[in-house]
PDB file of N, CA and C in Angstrom:
ATOM      1  N   MET A   1      42.983  21.830  76.353  1.00  0.00           N
ATOM      2  CA  MET A   1      42.686  21.267  75.067  1.00  0.00           C
ATOM      3  C   MET A   1      43.709  20.197  74.683  1.00  0.00           C
ATOM      4  N   GLY A   2      44.970  20.390  75.045  1.00  0.00           N
ATOM      5  CA  GLY A   2      46.017  19.436  74.721  1.00  0.00           C
ATOM      6  C   GLY A   2      45.771  18.096  75.404  1.00  0.00           C
ATOM      7  N   GLN A   3      45.283  18.155  76.660  1.00  0.00           N
ATOM      8  CA  GLN A   3      45.010  16.913  77.382  1.00  0.00           C
ATOM      9  C   GLN A   3      43.810  16.190  76.777  1.00  0.00           C
ATOM     10  N   ALA A   4      42.806  16.911  76.368  1.00  0.00           N
ATOM     11  CA  ALA A   4      41.624  16.307  75.745  1.00  0.00           C
ATOM     12  C   ALA A   4      42.005  15.655  74.413  1.00  0.00           C
ATOM     13  N   LEU A   5      42.883  16.323  73.672  1.00  0.00           N
ATOM     14  CA  LEU A   5      43.325  15.771  72.396  1.00  0.00           C
ATOM     15  C   LEU A   5      44.112  14.483  72.604  1.00  0.00           C
ATOM     16  N   SER A   6      44.968  14.456  73.614  1.00  0.00           N
ATOM     17  CA  SER A   6      45.752  13.252  73.877  1.00  0.00           C
ATOM     18  C   SER A   6      44.853  12.112  74.363  1.00  0.00           C
ATOM     19  N   LEU A   7      43.809  12.412  75.143  1.00  0.00           N
ATOM     20  CA  LEU A   7      42.870  11.385  75.582  1.00  0.00           C
ATOM     21  C   LEU A   7      42.080  10.839  74.392  1.00  0.00           C
ATOM     22  N   LEU A   8      41.681  11.713  73.493  1.00  0.00           N
ATOM     23  CA  LEU A   8      40.955  11.286  72.313  1.00  0.00           C
ATOM     24  C   LEU A   8      41.837  10.413  71.422  1.00  0.00           C
ATOM     25  N   LEU A   9      43.088  10.811  71.262  1.00  0.00           N
ATOM     26  CA  LEU A   9      44.023  10.038  70.463  1.00  0.00           C
ATOM     27  C   LEU A   9      44.257   8.662  71.094  1.00  0.00           C
ATOM     28  N   ALA A  10      44.390   8.593  72.413  1.00  0.00           N
ATOM     29  CA  ALA A  10      44.583   7.320  73.100  1.00  0.00           C
ATOM     30  C   ALA A  10      43.360   6.424  72.924  1.00  0.00           C
ATOM     31  N   ALA A  11      42.161   6.999  72.999  1.00  0.00           N
ATOM     32  CA  ALA A  11      40.938   6.224  72.829  1.00  0.00           C
ATOM     33  C   ALA A  11      40.834   5.691  71.402  1.00  0.00           C
ATOM     34  N   LEU A  12      41.187   6.527  70.415  1.00  0.00           N
ATOM     35  CA  LEU A  12      41.151   6.088  69.030  1.00  0.00           C
ATOM     36  C   LEU A  12      42.171   4.977  68.766  1.00  0.00           C
ATOM     37  N   LEU A  13      43.356   5.094  69.315  1.00  0.00           N
ATOM     38  CA  LEU A  13      44.374   4.060  69.139  1.00  0.00           C
ATOM     39  C   LEU A  13      43.939   2.746  69.777  1.00  0.00           C
ATOM     40  N   ALA A  14      43.326   2.835  70.952  1.00  0.00           N
ATOM     41  CA  ALA A  14      42.855   1.622  71.618  1.00  0.00           C
ATOM     42  C   ALA A  14      41.740   0.958  70.808  1.00  0.00           C
ATOM     43  N   ALA A  15      40.832   1.757  70.277  1.00  0.00           N
ATOM     44  CA  ALA A  15      39.743   1.209  69.461  1.00  0.00           C
ATOM     45  C   ALA A  15      40.295   0.600  68.186  1.00  0.00           C
ATOM     46  N   HIS A  16      41.265   1.273  67.580  1.00  0.00           N
ATOM     47  CA  HIS A  16      41.865   0.742  66.354  1.00  0.00           C
ATOM     48  C   HIS A  16      42.623  -0.552  66.632  1.00  0.00           C
ATOM     49  N   ALA A  17      43.330  -0.623  67.729  1.00  0.00           N
ATOM     50  CA  ALA A  17      44.068  -1.845  68.076  1.00  0.00           C
ATOM     51  C   ALA A  17      43.096  -2.998  68.310  1.00  0.00           C
ATOM     52  N   GLY A  18      41.977  -2.741  68.941  1.00  0.00           N
ATOM     53  CA  GLY A  18      40.978  -3.781  69.147  1.00  0.00           C
ATOM     54  C   GLY A  18      40.351  -4.231  67.844  1.00  0.00           C
ATOM     55  N   HIS A  19      40.162  -3.293  66.916  1.00  0.00           N
ATOM     56  CA  HIS A  19      39.584  -3.631  65.612  1.00  0.00           C
ATOM     57  C   HIS A  19      40.571  -4.411  64.752  1.00  0.00           C
ATOM     58  N   VAL A  20      41.839  -4.031  64.765  1.00  0.00           N
ATOM     59  CA  VAL A  20      42.854  -4.696  63.952  1.00  0.00           C
ATOM     60  C   VAL A  20      43.097  -6.102  64.469  1.00  0.00           C
ATOM     61  N   ALA A  21      43.132  -6.276  65.783  1.00  0.00           N
ATOM     62  CA  ALA A  21      43.408  -7.596  66.352  1.00  0.00           C
ATOM     63  C   ALA A  21      42.294  -8.565  66.005  1.00  0.00           C
ATOM     64  N   GLY A  22      41.059  -8.116  66.052  1.00  0.00           N
ATOM     65  CA  GLY A  22      39.911  -8.919  65.636  1.00  0.00           C
ATOM     66  C   GLY A  22      39.821 -10.269  66.305  1.00  0.00           C
ATOM     67  N   PRO A  23      39.292 -11.276  65.597  1.00  0.00           N
ATOM     68  CA  PRO A  23      39.055 -12.589  66.169  1.00  0.00           C
ATOM     69  C   PRO A  23      40.341 -13.316  66.559  1.00  0.00           C
ATOM     70  N   ALA A  24      41.441 -12.982  65.933  1.00  0.00           N
ATOM     71  CA  ALA A  24      42.689 -13.682  66.255  1.00  0.00           C
ATOM     72  C   ALA A  24      43.162 -13.368  67.663  1.00  0.00           C
ATOM     73  N   SER A  25      42.692 -12.243  68.237  1.00  0.00           N
ATOM     74  CA  SER A  25      43.139 -11.873  69.570  1.00  0.00           C
ATOM     75  C   SER A  25      42.367 -12.605  70.667  1.00  0.00           C
ATOM     76  N   ARG A  26      41.327 -13.315  70.313  1.00  0.00           N
ATOM     77  CA  ARG A  26      40.564 -14.040  71.314  1.00  0.00           C
ATOM     78  C   ARG A  26      41.411 -15.154  71.905  1.00  0.00           C
ATOM     79  N   THR A  27      41.108 -15.499  73.104  1.00  0.00           N
ATOM     80  CA  THR A  27      41.887 -16.543  73.757  1.00  0.00           C
ATOM     81  C   THR A  27      41.519 -17.903  73.213  1.00  0.00           C
ATOM     82  N   LYS A  28      42.420 -18.848  73.437  1.00  0.00           N
ATOM     83  CA  LYS A  28      42.201 -20.207  72.952  1.00  0.00           C
ATOM     84  C   LYS A  28      40.946 -20.804  73.594  1.00  0.00           C
ATOM     85  N   SER A  29      40.743 -20.530  74.867  1.00  0.00           N
ATOM     86  CA  SER A  29      39.591 -21.115  75.551  1.00  0.00           C
ATOM     87  C   SER A  29      38.277 -20.596  74.975  1.00  0.00           C
ATOM     88  N   SER A  30      38.225 -19.312  74.557  1.00  0.00           N
ATOM     89  CA  SER A  30      36.986 -18.802  73.980  1.00  0.00           C
ATOM     90  C   SER A  30      36.732 -19.436  72.614  1.00  0.00           C
ATOM     91  N   ARG A  31      37.807 -19.696  71.842  1.00  0.00           N
ATOM     92  CA  ARG A  31      37.627 -20.377  70.558  1.00  0.00           C
ATOM     93  C   ARG A  31      37.147 -21.802  70.781  1.00  0.00           C
ATOM     94  N   GLN A  32      37.727 -22.478  71.762  1.00  0.00           N
ATOM     95  CA  GLN A  32      37.334 -23.850  72.025  1.00  0.00           C
ATOM     96  C   GLN A  32      35.897 -23.911  72.520  1.00  0.00           C
ATOM     97  N   ALA A  33      35.485 -22.933  73.295  1.00  0.00           N
ATOM     98  CA  ALA A  33      34.119 -22.924  73.806  1.00  0.00           C
ATOM     99  C   ALA A  33      33.124 -22.737  72.664  1.00  0.00           C
ATOM    100  N   ARG A  34      33.461 -21.877  71.706  1.00  0.00           N
ATOM    101  CA  ARG A  34      32.566 -21.642  70.575  1.00  0.00           C
ATOM    102  C   ARG A  34      32.474 -22.840  69.652  1.00  0.00           C
ATOM    103  N   HIS A  35      33.541 -23.607  69.520  1.00  0.00           N
ATOM    104  CA  HIS A  35      33.585 -24.706  68.567  1.00  0.00           C
ATOM    105  C   HIS A  35      33.544 -26.064  69.236  1.00  0.00           C
ATOM    106  N   GLY A  36      32.870 -26.163  70.334  1.00  0.00           N
ATOM    107  CA  GLY A  36      32.675 -27.452  70.968  1.00  0.00           C
ATOM    108  C   GLY A  36      33.917 -28.012  71.648  1.00  0.00           C
ATOM    109  N   GLY A  37      34.863 -27.187  72.002  1.00  0.00           N
ATOM    110  CA  GLY A  37      36.020 -27.652  72.738  1.00  0.00           C
ATOM    111  C   GLY A  37      37.156 -28.158  71.868  1.00  0.00           C
ATOM    112  N   ALA A  38      36.959 -28.319  70.580  1.00  0.00           N
ATOM    113  CA  ALA A  38      38.029 -28.823  69.721  1.00  0.00           C
ATOM    114  C   ALA A  38      38.863 -27.657  69.190  1.00  0.00           C
ATOM    115  N   PRO A  39      40.188 -27.769  69.251  1.00  0.00           N
ATOM    116  CA  PRO A  39      41.010 -26.697  68.692  1.00  0.00           C
ATOM    117  C   PRO A  39      40.912 -26.695  67.174  1.00  0.00           C
ATOM    118  N   ALA A  40      41.111 -25.538  66.589  1.00  0.00           N
ATOM    119  CA  ALA A  40      41.029 -25.408  65.134  1.00  0.00           C
ATOM    120  C   ALA A  40      42.201 -26.134  64.486  1.00  0.00           C
ATOM    121  N   LEU A  41      41.934 -26.869  63.404  1.00  0.00           N
ATOM    122  CA  LEU A  41      42.970 -27.589  62.694  1.00  0.00           C
ATOM    123  C   LEU A  41      43.360 -26.820  61.442  1.00  0.00           C
ATOM    124  N   ALA A  42      44.621 -26.914  61.069  1.00  0.00           N
ATOM    125  CA  ALA A  42      45.092 -26.272  59.846  1.00  0.00           C
ATOM    126  C   ALA A  42      44.557 -27.059  58.655  1.00  0.00           C
ATOM    127  N   PRO A  43      44.242 -26.374  57.560  1.00  0.00           N
ATOM    128  CA  PRO A  43      43.745 -27.095  56.386  1.00  0.00           C
ATOM    129  C   PRO A  43      44.841 -28.002  55.829  1.00  0.00           C
ATOM    130  N   LYS A  44      44.439 -29.175  55.378  1.00  0.00           N
ATOM    131  CA  LYS A  44      45.380 -30.147  54.843  1.00  0.00           C
ATOM    132  C   LYS A  44      45.777 -29.740  53.423  1.00  0.00           C
ATOM    133  N   ALA A  45      47.066 -29.838  53.141  1.00  0.00           N
ATOM    134  CA  ALA A  45      47.559 -29.491  51.812  1.00  0.00           C
ATOM    135  C   ALA A  45      47.084 -30.534  50.806  1.00  0.00           C
ATOM    136  N   SER A  46      46.779 -30.074  49.605  1.00  0.00           N
ATOM    137  CA  SER A  46      46.317 -31.001  48.568  1.00  0.00           C
ATOM    138  C   SER A  46      47.481 -31.857  48.084  1.00  0.00           C
ATOM    139  N   GLY A  47      47.155 -32.923  47.384  1.00  0.00           N
ATOM    140  CA  GLY A  47      48.185 -33.800  46.850  1.00  0.00           C
ATOM    141  C   GLY A  47      49.101 -33.073  45.874  1.00  0.00           C
ATOM    142  N   LEU A  48      48.523 -32.153  45.095  1.00  0.00           N
ATOM    143  CA  LEU A  48      49.322 -31.387  44.144  1.00  0.00           C
ATOM    144  C   LEU A  48      50.292 -30.469  44.880  1.00  0.00           C
ATOM    145  N   ASP A  49      49.822 -29.828  45.948  1.00  0.00           N
ATOM    146  CA  ASP A  49      50.704 -28.957  46.723  1.00  0.00           C
ATOM    147  C   ASP A  49      51.850 -29.746  47.342  1.00  0.00           C
ATOM    148  N   GLN A  50      51.551 -30.931  47.842  1.00  0.00           N
ATOM    149  CA  GLN A  50      52.596 -31.765  48.429  1.00  0.00           C
ATOM    150  C   GLN A  50      53.594 -32.213  47.366  1.00  0.00           C
ATOM    151  N   ALA A  51      53.104 -32.576  46.188  1.00  0.00           N
ATOM    152  CA  ALA A  51      53.996 -33.009  45.112  1.00  0.00           C
ATOM    153  C   ALA A  51      54.872 -31.854  44.629  1.00  0.00           C
ATOM    154  N   ARG A  52      54.288 -30.656  44.548  1.00  0.00           N
ATOM    155  CA  ARG A  52      55.081 -29.483  44.163  1.00  0.00           C
ATOM    156  C   ARG A  52      56.158 -29.191  45.194  1.00  0.00           C
ATOM    157  N   ALA A  53      55.802 -29.325  46.462  1.00  0.00           N
ATOM    158  CA  ALA A  53      56.777 -29.091  47.529  1.00  0.00           C
ATOM    159  C   ALA A  53      57.916 -30.106  47.449  1.00  0.00           C
ATOM    160  N   ALA A  54      57.598 -31.352  47.143  1.00  0.00           N
ATOM    161  CA  ALA A  54      58.638 -32.380  47.010  1.00  0.00           C
ATOM    162  C   ALA A  54      59.560 -32.062  45.830  1.00  0.00           C
ATOM    163  N   LEU A  55      59.004 -31.588  44.738  1.00  0.00           N
ATOM    164  CA  LEU A  55      59.820 -31.228  43.578  1.00  0.00           C
ATOM    165  C   LEU A  55      60.705 -30.031  43.895  1.00  0.00           C
ATOM    166  N   ARG A  56      60.147 -29.020  44.573  1.00  0.00           N
ATOM    167  CA  ARG A  56      60.960 -27.858  44.949  1.00  0.00           C
ATOM    168  C   ARG A  56      62.107 -28.264  45.864  1.00  0.00           C
ATOM    169  N   ALA A  57      61.827 -29.164  46.800  1.00  0.00           N
ATOM    170  CA  ALA A  57      62.874 -29.639  47.704  1.00  0.00           C
ATOM    171  C   ALA A  57      63.967 -30.366  46.928  1.00  0.00           C
ATOM    172  N   LEU A  58      63.570 -31.156  45.956  1.00  0.00           N
ATOM    173  CA  LEU A  58      64.547 -31.861  45.120  1.00  0.00           C
ATOM    174  C   LEU A  58      65.408 -30.876  44.341  1.00  0.00           C
ATOM    175  N   MET A  59      64.781 -29.882  43.763  1.00  0.00           N
ATOM    176  CA  MET A  59      65.528 -28.936  42.940  1.00  0.00           C
ATOM    177  C   MET A  59      66.476 -28.069  43.766  1.00  0.00           C
ATOM    178  N   ARG A  60      66.193 -27.896  45.058  1.00  0.00           N
ATOM    179  CA  ARG A  60      67.083 -27.130  45.928  1.00  0.00           C
ATOM    180  C   ARG A  60      68.243 -27.959  46.470  1.00  0.00           C
ATOM    181  N   ASP A  61      68.158 -29.283  46.376  1.00  0.00           N
ATOM    182  CA  ASP A  61      69.166 -30.168  46.975  1.00  0.00           C
ATOM    183  C   ASP A  61      70.124 -30.691  45.900  1.00  0.00           C
ATOM    184  N   PRO A  62      71.340 -30.156  45.822  1.00  0.00           N
ATOM    185  CA  PRO A  62      72.254 -30.570  44.758  1.00  0.00           C
ATOM    186  C   PRO A  62      72.658 -32.046  44.846  1.00  0.00           C
ATOM    187  N   GLN A  63      72.686 -32.612  46.025  1.00  0.00           N
ATOM    188  CA  GLN A  63      73.062 -34.024  46.166  1.00  0.00           C
ATOM    189  C   GLN A  63      71.980 -34.939  45.597  1.00  0.00           C
ATOM    190  N   ARG A  64      70.748 -34.711  45.994  1.00  0.00           N
ATOM    191  CA  ARG A  64      69.640 -35.553  45.525  1.00  0.00           C
ATOM    192  C   ARG A  64      69.348 -35.327  44.051  1.00  0.00           C
ATOM    193  N   ARG A  65      69.566 -34.111  43.587  1.00  0.00           N
ATOM    194  CA  ARG A  65      69.258 -33.738  42.211  1.00  0.00           C
ATOM    195  C   ARG A  65      70.085 -34.538  41.207  1.00  0.00           C
ATOM    196  N   ARG A  66      71.212 -35.073  41.638  1.00  0.00           N
ATOM    197  CA  ARG A  66      72.113 -35.794  40.732  1.00  0.00           C
ATOM    198  C   ARG A  66      71.607 -37.181  40.351  1.00  0.00           C
ATOM    199  N   PHE A  67      70.652 -37.724  41.114  1.00  0.00           N
ATOM    200  CA  PHE A  67      70.244 -39.109  40.914  1.00  0.00           C
ATOM    201  C   PHE A  67      68.863 -39.198  40.275  1.00  0.00           C
ATOM    202  N   HIS A  68      68.779 -40.008  39.259  1.00  0.00           N
ATOM    203  CA  HIS A  68      67.576 -40.156  38.437  1.00  0.00           C
ATOM    204  C   HIS A  68      66.378 -40.626  39.253  1.00  0.00           C
ATOM    205  N   HIS A  69      66.584 -41.525  40.209  1.00  0.00           N
ATOM    206  CA  HIS A  69      65.444 -42.085  40.946  1.00  0.00           C
ATOM    207  C   HIS A  69      64.751 -41.044  41.810  1.00  0.00           C
ATOM    208  N   HIS A  70      65.466 -40.017  42.254  1.00  0.00           N
ATOM    209  CA  HIS A  70      64.814 -38.948  43.019  1.00  0.00           C
ATOM    210  C   HIS A  70      63.872 -38.146  42.116  1.00  0.00           C
ATOM    211  N   TRP A  71      64.308 -37.898  40.895  1.00  0.00           N
ATOM    212  CA  TRP A  71      63.457 -37.199  39.933  1.00  0.00           C
ATOM    213  C   TRP A  71      62.229 -38.035  39.610  1.00  0.00           C
ATOM    214  N   GLU A  72      62.447 -39.332  39.400  1.00  0.00           N
ATOM    215  CA  GLU A  72      61.324 -40.220  39.081  1.00  0.00           C
ATOM    216  C   GLU A  72      60.280 -40.213  40.200  1.00  0.00           C
ATOM    217  N   LYS A  73      60.742 -40.196  41.441  1.00  0.00           N
ATOM    218  CA  LYS A  73      59.813 -40.179  42.575  1.00  0.00           C
ATOM    219  C   LYS A  73      59.000 -38.882  42.587  1.00  0.00           C
ATOM    220  N   ALA A  74      59.658 -37.759  42.348  1.00  0.00           N
ATOM    221  CA  ALA A  74      58.952 -36.471  42.332  1.00  0.00           C
ATOM    222  C   ALA A  74      57.942 -36.408  41.183  1.00  0.00           C
ATOM    223  N   ILE A  75      58.332 -36.900  40.021  1.00  0.00           N
ATOM    224  CA  ILE A  75      57.430 -36.894  38.863  1.00  0.00           C
ATOM    225  C   ILE A  75      56.261 -37.841  39.098  1.00  0.00           C
ATOM    226  N   LYS A  76      56.540 -38.969  39.703  1.00  0.00           N
ATOM    227  CA  LYS A  76      55.467 -39.921  40.028  1.00  0.00           C
ATOM    228  C   LYS A  76      54.458 -39.294  40.992  1.00  0.00           C
ATOM    229  N   GLY A  77      54.945 -38.507  41.948  1.00  0.00           N
ATOM    230  CA  GLY A  77      54.049 -37.804  42.872  1.00  0.00           C
ATOM    231  C   GLY A  77      53.161 -36.806  42.155  1.00  0.00           C
ATOM    232  N   LEU A  78      53.727 -36.091  41.186  1.00  0.00           N
ATOM    233  CA  LEU A  78      52.928 -35.143  40.405  1.00  0.00           C
ATOM    234  C   LEU A  78      51.870 -35.859  39.578  1.00  0.00           C
ATOM    235  N   LEU A  79      52.250 -36.969  38.976  1.00  0.00           N
ATOM    236  CA  LEU A  79      51.280 -37.712  38.172  1.00  0.00           C
ATOM    237  C   LEU A  79      50.199 -38.348  39.041  1.00  0.00           C
ATOM    238  N   ALA A  80      50.537 -38.730  40.265  1.00  0.00           N
ATOM    239  CA  ALA A  80      49.529 -39.273  41.184  1.00  0.00           C
ATOM    240  C   ALA A  80      48.529 -38.189  41.580  1.00  0.00           C
ATOM    241  N   ALA A  81      48.986 -36.927  41.613  1.00  0.00           N
ATOM    242  CA  ALA A  81      48.101 -35.813  41.960  1.00  0.00           C
ATOM    243  C   ALA A  81      47.265 -35.357  40.773  1.00  0.00           C
ATOM    244  N   ALA A  82      47.511 -35.910  39.595  1.00  0.00           N
ATOM    245  CA  ALA A  82      46.802 -35.495  38.375  1.00  0.00           C
ATOM    246  C   ALA A  82      45.428 -36.147  38.311  1.00  0.00           C
ATOM    247  N   ARG A  83      44.581 -35.778  39.248  1.00  0.00           N
ATOM    248  CA  ARG A  83      43.216 -36.296  39.321  1.00  0.00           C
ATOM    249  C   ARG A  83      42.247 -35.125  39.448  1.00  0.00           C
ATOM    250  N   GLY A  84      41.100 -35.267  38.871  1.00  0.00           N
ATOM    251  CA  GLY A  84      40.047 -34.265  39.015  1.00  0.00           C
ATOM    252  C   GLY A  84      40.448 -32.917  38.454  1.00  0.00           C
ATOM    253  N   PRO A  85      40.106 -31.847  39.167  1.00  0.00           N
ATOM    254  CA  PRO A  85      40.390 -30.504  38.653  1.00  0.00           C
ATOM    255  C   PRO A  85      41.874 -30.170  38.626  1.00  0.00           C
ATOM    256  N   ASP A  86      42.699 -30.916  39.373  1.00  0.00           N
ATOM    257  CA  ASP A  86      44.138 -30.678  39.382  1.00  0.00           C
ATOM    258  C   ASP A  86      44.862 -31.374  38.234  1.00  0.00           C
ATOM    259  N   ALA A  87      44.164 -32.170  37.435  1.00  0.00           N
ATOM    260  CA  ALA A  87      44.810 -32.981  36.398  1.00  0.00           C
ATOM    261  C   ALA A  87      45.605 -32.151  35.388  1.00  0.00           C
ATOM    262  N   PRO A  88      45.062 -31.081  34.806  1.00  0.00           N
ATOM    263  CA  PRO A  88      45.861 -30.334  33.827  1.00  0.00           C
ATOM    264  C   PRO A  88      47.121 -29.714  34.432  1.00  0.00           C
ATOM    265  N   ALA A  89      46.966 -29.089  35.583  1.00  0.00           N
ATOM    266  CA  ALA A  89      48.108 -28.426  36.213  1.00  0.00           C
ATOM    267  C   ALA A  89      49.165 -29.432  36.652  1.00  0.00           C
ATOM    268  N   ALA A  90      48.747 -30.536  37.237  1.00  0.00           N
ATOM    269  CA  ALA A  90      49.696 -31.546  37.708  1.00  0.00           C
ATOM    270  C   ALA A  90      50.424 -32.201  36.541  1.00  0.00           C
ATOM    271  N   THR A  91      49.725 -32.458  35.454  1.00  0.00           N
ATOM    272  CA  THR A  91      50.359 -33.064  34.287  1.00  0.00           C
ATOM    273  C   THR A  91      51.359 -32.105  33.663  1.00  0.00           C
ATOM    274  N   LEU A  92      51.015 -30.826  33.604  1.00  0.00           N
ATOM    275  CA  LEU A  92      51.947 -29.835  33.073  1.00  0.00           C
ATOM    276  C   LEU A  92      53.174 -29.712  33.971  1.00  0.00           C
ATOM    277  N   GLU A  93      52.970 -29.726  35.284  1.00  0.00           N
ATOM    278  CA  GLU A  93      54.109 -29.689  36.217  1.00  0.00           C
ATOM    279  C   GLU A  93      55.001 -30.913  36.034  1.00  0.00           C
ATOM    280  N   ALA A  94      54.380 -32.074  35.828  1.00  0.00           N
ATOM    281  CA  ALA A  94      55.161 -33.296  35.602  1.00  0.00           C
ATOM    282  C   ALA A  94      55.959 -33.191  34.306  1.00  0.00           C
ATOM    283  N   ALA A  95      55.369 -32.595  33.270  1.00  0.00           N
ATOM    284  CA  ALA A  95      56.088 -32.405  32.005  1.00  0.00           C
ATOM    285  C   ALA A  95      57.277 -31.476  32.201  1.00  0.00           C
ATOM    286  N   ARG A  96      57.080 -30.407  32.946  1.00  0.00           N
ATOM    287  CA  ARG A  96      58.182 -29.478  33.222  1.00  0.00           C
ATOM    288  C   ARG A  96      59.274 -30.153  34.040  1.00  0.00           C
ATOM    289  N   ALA A  97      58.868 -30.949  35.025  1.00  0.00           N
ATOM    290  CA  ALA A  97      59.848 -31.668  35.840  1.00  0.00           C
ATOM    291  C   ALA A  97      60.612 -32.676  34.996  1.00  0.00           C
ATOM    292  N   ARG A  98      59.923 -33.362  34.103  1.00  0.00           N
ATOM    293  CA  ARG A  98      60.581 -34.342  33.236  1.00  0.00           C
ATOM    294  C   ARG A  98      61.568 -33.634  32.310  1.00  0.00           C
ATOM    295  N   TYR A  99      61.198 -32.451  31.819  1.00  0.00           N
ATOM    296  CA  TYR A  99      62.118 -31.709  30.962  1.00  0.00           C
ATOM    297  C   TYR A  99      63.322 -31.209  31.764  1.00  0.00           C
ATOM    298  N   ALA A 100      63.089 -30.794  33.010  1.00  0.00           N
ATOM    299  CA  ALA A 100      64.214 -30.396  33.866  1.00  0.00           C
ATOM    300  C   ALA A 100      65.146 -31.582  34.097  1.00  0.00           C
ATOM    301  N   LEU A 101      64.577 -32.763  34.262  1.00  0.00           N
ATOM    302  CA  LEU A 101      65.389 -33.971  34.385  1.00  0.00           C
ATOM    303  C   LEU A 101      66.203 -34.187  33.111  1.00  0.00           C
ATOM    304  N   TYR A 102      65.572 -33.993  31.969  1.00  0.00           N
ATOM    305  CA  TYR A 102      66.291 -34.128  30.700  1.00  0.00           C
ATOM    306  C   TYR A 102      67.471 -33.161  30.637  1.00  0.00           C
ATOM    307  N   ARG A 103      67.279 -31.951  31.143  1.00  0.00           N
ATOM    308  CA  ARG A 103      68.361 -30.966  31.136  1.00  0.00           C
ATOM    309  C   ARG A 103      69.542 -31.447  31.973  1.00  0.00           C
ATOM    310  N   TRP A 104      69.258 -32.204  33.025  1.00  0.00           N
ATOM    311  CA  TRP A 104      70.336 -32.754  33.860  1.00  0.00           C
ATOM    312  C   TRP A 104      70.908 -34.025  33.255  1.00  0.00           C
ATOM    313  N   SER A 105      70.065 -34.907  32.748  1.00  0.00           N
ATOM    314  CA  SER A 105      70.517 -36.230  32.327  1.00  0.00           C
ATOM    315  C   SER A 105      70.993 -36.284  30.873  1.00  0.00           C
ATOM    316  N   ALA A 106      70.484 -35.381  30.040  1.00  0.00           N
ATOM    317  CA  ALA A 106      70.774 -35.374  28.606  1.00  0.00           C
ATOM    318  C   ALA A 106      70.366 -36.695  27.945  1.00  0.00           C
ATOM    319  N   ASP A 107      69.389 -37.356  28.516  1.00  0.00           N
ATOM    320  CA  ASP A 107      68.872 -38.616  27.983  1.00  0.00           C
ATOM    321  C   ASP A 107      67.653 -38.288  27.109  1.00  0.00           C
ATOM    322  N   GLU A 108      67.731 -38.665  25.841  1.00  0.00           N
ATOM    323  CA  GLU A 108      66.647 -38.353  24.906  1.00  0.00           C
ATOM    324  C   GLU A 108      65.318 -38.969  25.320  1.00  0.00           C
ATOM    325  N   ALA A 109      65.343 -40.086  26.037  1.00  0.00           N
ATOM    326  CA  ALA A 109      64.100 -40.713  26.494  1.00  0.00           C
ATOM    327  C   ALA A 109      63.361 -39.791  27.467  1.00  0.00           C
ATOM    328  N   ASP A 110      64.102 -39.084  28.312  1.00  0.00           N
ATOM    329  CA  ASP A 110      63.467 -38.129  29.228  1.00  0.00           C
ATOM    330  C   ASP A 110      62.825 -36.981  28.458  1.00  0.00           C
ATOM    331  N   ARG A 111      63.485 -36.522  27.402  1.00  0.00           N
ATOM    332  CA  ARG A 111      62.917 -35.443  26.588  1.00  0.00           C
ATOM    333  C   ARG A 111      61.644 -35.912  25.897  1.00  0.00           C
ATOM    334  N   ASP A 112      61.670 -37.119  25.358  1.00  0.00           N
ATOM    335  CA  ASP A 112      60.492 -37.652  24.678  1.00  0.00           C
ATOM    336  C   ASP A 112      59.319 -37.814  25.644  1.00  0.00           C
ATOM    337  N   LYS A 113      59.602 -38.282  26.858  1.00  0.00           N
ATOM    338  CA  LYS A 113      58.546 -38.416  27.870  1.00  0.00           C
ATOM    339  C   LYS A 113      58.010 -37.051  28.274  1.00  0.00           C
ATOM    340  N   ALA A 114      58.888 -36.054  28.357  1.00  0.00           N
ATOM    341  CA  ALA A 114      58.447 -34.695  28.695  1.00  0.00           C
ATOM    342  C   ALA A 114      57.516 -34.154  27.620  1.00  0.00           C
ATOM    343  N   LEU A 115      57.852 -34.390  26.365  1.00  0.00           N
ATOM    344  CA  LEU A 115      56.999 -33.922  25.271  1.00  0.00           C
ATOM    345  C   LEU A 115      55.655 -34.642  25.272  1.00  0.00           C
ATOM    346  N   ALA A 116      55.662 -35.945  25.581  1.00  0.00           N
ATOM    347  CA  ALA A 116      54.408 -36.693  25.642  1.00  0.00           C
ATOM    348  C   ALA A 116      53.522 -36.183  26.791  1.00  0.00           C
ATOM    349  N   LEU A 117      54.154 -35.887  27.932  1.00  0.00           N
ATOM    350  CA  LEU A 117      53.393 -35.333  29.061  1.00  0.00           C
ATOM    351  C   LEU A 117      52.839 -33.948  28.727  1.00  0.00           C
ATOM    352  N   ALA A 118      53.619 -33.148  28.028  1.00  0.00           N
ATOM    353  CA  ALA A 118      53.150 -31.806  27.643  1.00  0.00           C
ATOM    354  C   ALA A 118      51.963 -31.912  26.695  1.00  0.00           C
ATOM    355  N   ALA A 119      52.007 -32.877  25.784  1.00  0.00           N
ATOM    356  CA  ALA A 119      50.881 -33.073  24.866  1.00  0.00           C
ATOM    357  C   ALA A 119      49.644 -33.507  25.639  1.00  0.00           C
ATOM    358  N   ARG A 120      49.821 -34.385  26.610  1.00  0.00           N
ATOM    359  CA  ARG A 120      48.678 -34.842  27.418  1.00  0.00           C
ATOM    360  C   ARG A 120      48.113 -33.676  28.229  1.00  0.00           C
ATOM    361  N   ALA A 121      49.003 -32.839  28.790  1.00  0.00           N
ATOM    362  CA  ALA A 121      48.535 -31.671  29.545  1.00  0.00           C
ATOM    363  C   ALA A 121      47.763 -30.723  28.648  1.00  0.00           C
ATOM    364  N   SER A 122      48.204 -30.588  27.415  1.00  0.00           N
ATOM    365  CA  SER A 122      47.498 -29.732  26.465  1.00  0.00           C
ATOM    366  C   SER A 122      46.104 -30.274  26.172  1.00  0.00           C
ATOM    367  N   ARG A 123      45.999 -31.582  25.994  1.00  0.00           N
ATOM    368  CA  ARG A 123      44.681 -32.188  25.751  1.00  0.00           C
ATOM    369  C   ARG A 123      43.761 -32.025  26.954  1.00  0.00           C
ATOM    370  N   LEU A 124      44.353 -31.982  28.160  1.00  0.00           N
ATOM    371  CA  LEU A 124      43.540 -31.805  29.371  1.00  0.00           C
ATOM    372  C   LEU A 124      43.123 -30.366  29.582  1.00  0.00           C
ATOM    373  N   GLY A 125      43.725 -29.443  28.832  1.00  0.00           N
ATOM    374  CA  GLY A 125      43.315 -28.041  28.931  1.00  0.00           C
ATOM    375  C   GLY A 125      44.312 -27.145  29.619  1.00  0.00           C
ATOM    376  N   ALA A 126      45.523 -27.620  29.843  1.00  0.00           N
ATOM    377  CA  ALA A 126      46.538 -26.774  30.498  1.00  0.00           C
ATOM    378  C   ALA A 126      47.192 -25.871  29.479  1.00  0.00           C
TER     379      ALA A 126
END
C-alpha cells in the first residue's frame, strides 16, 4: 500500500506541475509555429507610463533633481501624455510634479503653475 500511495502522489505531483506550468512551459518553436513564426512582442508602454517612469527616475536621482530644467522636461512629458483617456491622470501627475518642484525651488511661480494644473485636472475629472 505504501508503494501505491507513493506512485499516486508522484502522478498527482507530475499532473499538478504540468497544469501549473501551462502555456508558458511550451517551447519557443511551438509558440512560433502557432503564431506564424513571429516571436511574441512585449506590449509597448503608454506615453503616460513612460512619463511617470521618467519622473520617478528624476525623483530618485539627487544630482538631476537639483536642476530646474530636468523637472521641466519631466513635467513636459506628463503634459504631452495628457491626451484622450489619460488626460485627467496625466494632468494631475503634472500638477503634483510641479508642486514637488516648488518644494525644491521655493519659487512662487512654480506653486502658481501647480495650482493652475490642479484646477485643470479637476475640470477634466481627476
